[in-house]
Amino acid sequence: MGQPTDNKSQIQLLKRQQLFNKFYDQLNIGQRNQLQDFYKSNTDKNYQAKSSNVIDQKLDSMILELWDTTTNKWVFDNKHIYTYNFNGKNTFDTYSEWDKYGTKWKNYSKSEYNYDSNDNTTTYTDYNWYESTNEWLADNKTEYNYNANGKDTLDIGFYWVDYDSLWGKDNKTEKAYDTKGNLILSIDYKYMFNYKYYQWRWSKNSKSEYTYDENGNKTLLKAYMWDNDSNNWKITDKIEYNNDANGNDTMYIYYSANDTSSGLEIVYKVVNTFDANKNNTSGTCFLWNGSDSQWIGAIKWEYTFDNLYAYLPYDFSVDNFKNRIIHATVYRYNGLDWFFDSKINFYYSSIDNTVIHDNYTSNDISVFPNPATDLVTFNLNVFANYFTIEIFDYLGRKMINQKLQNNLPVSVQNLPGGLYFYKLNDGKKLYTGKLLVK
């Protein structure tokens, strides 16, 4: 099911990973609002597991290290620890920073995610760690609302008011989609005191418009800010996307408003490479030097993957990471050469196919016939009118994903013979097991 298409979460991804922290600090507010597009995220996609192996395999943590030019060594900077619910959905992301003087990790912030029965994110809450009281205290949260198609249409942001011990309204985002389910419009509002009406009201703040090609690939993003003087929208930024035949975002160019004119000027471009599995293996950001009319290298990143799959936390884009990401290295350009900036190591729970067991008692569910040749029936002996069935092959590829009425058969006649793994979710409980197809 869906994840909210939330620009804030994308920006937080970049800031938290700190892959582009130094570059980020050099940009203005309008440019920062577009940095989520370093990772071409379409976050209304399904973030469920990509492999039956990952029923017990997840990204547990990642650790960022910075290159110390004085000692020519890698030094710890920050880390994330992830926890998941039974369905493999990311429930907590705990961020800590390395205390080089105390040589230990110190809590800094934490994010909490809650989901409905369809695995849609319903709330996202940020907490800060207060060392003086040794506790987590709420800072802000976002509530997500969905339409009948599972699309995130309204996000409402709140901030925590200590002296009143309640949540205060802060911002909201309204979203619209085309008939193909692509996000085409996003309008942000701020909750402000309006002196004209002498009351608190939602005031327009910014909006984004998206354009796609006939294959559903994003080709253009335009960003606007609301101008109170003219009582109209004023364009501030745009991004032009180029996609290859596989739909990979191979290059995009970012433009920003020029303070001295009414037009937009080129700021930077990003060139991405992908492997055969559509993993984003590398990317390079170039800054535009208008005086010399040439591109100048700024920062680049390289990812390494294995051929396995895993649950990924809330912030990761399934568009760019199909396989398990193992390592990321970031380089900066000093005008003459590329040099180390930072690296991230990713750590996963152990892989063991033997743990893909029949996760139910004989009184809960019956699967027949097993082995199967044409049709197989999953019959829940509990109160459940409908359930979702997912069937994976031994490589972790999802072969079947259907919503079925209880006790109706599933066709497996198009599956090659072999061992498969299934997940069955009735909205209350997850059943897993093995299925043999002849």
Foldseek 3Di string as FASTA:
>chain_A
DFEAPDLVLLLVVCVQLVLPVVVLVPDDPVVSSPVSPVPVFPRGDDLFFLFLLALVKAFAKKWKWWQDPVVRDTDTFKMWGWDADNRLATAKIWIWTADPVVRDTDTAKMWGWDAALVRYTAKIWMWGADPVVRDTDTAKMKGFDADPVSYTAKIWIWGADVVVRDTHTFKMKGWDADPVRHTAKIWMWGFDQDPVVRGTDTHTFKMKGWDADPVRATAKIWIWGQDPVVRDTQTFKMKGFDADPVSQGQKIWIWGQDPVDSDIDTFKMKGFDADPQQAGAKMWIWGADVVVRDTHTFKMKGWDFDLAIYRYHSSDHCNHDVGDTAKMWMWGDPRPDTDGTMMMGIDMDDGDPVVQAFPDDPQAWDWPDFQDAFKIAIAGNDDAQKKWKWKADPSSHTDDTDIDGHGDIDTPNPPDFDKMKMWIRRSPDITIHIGTYD
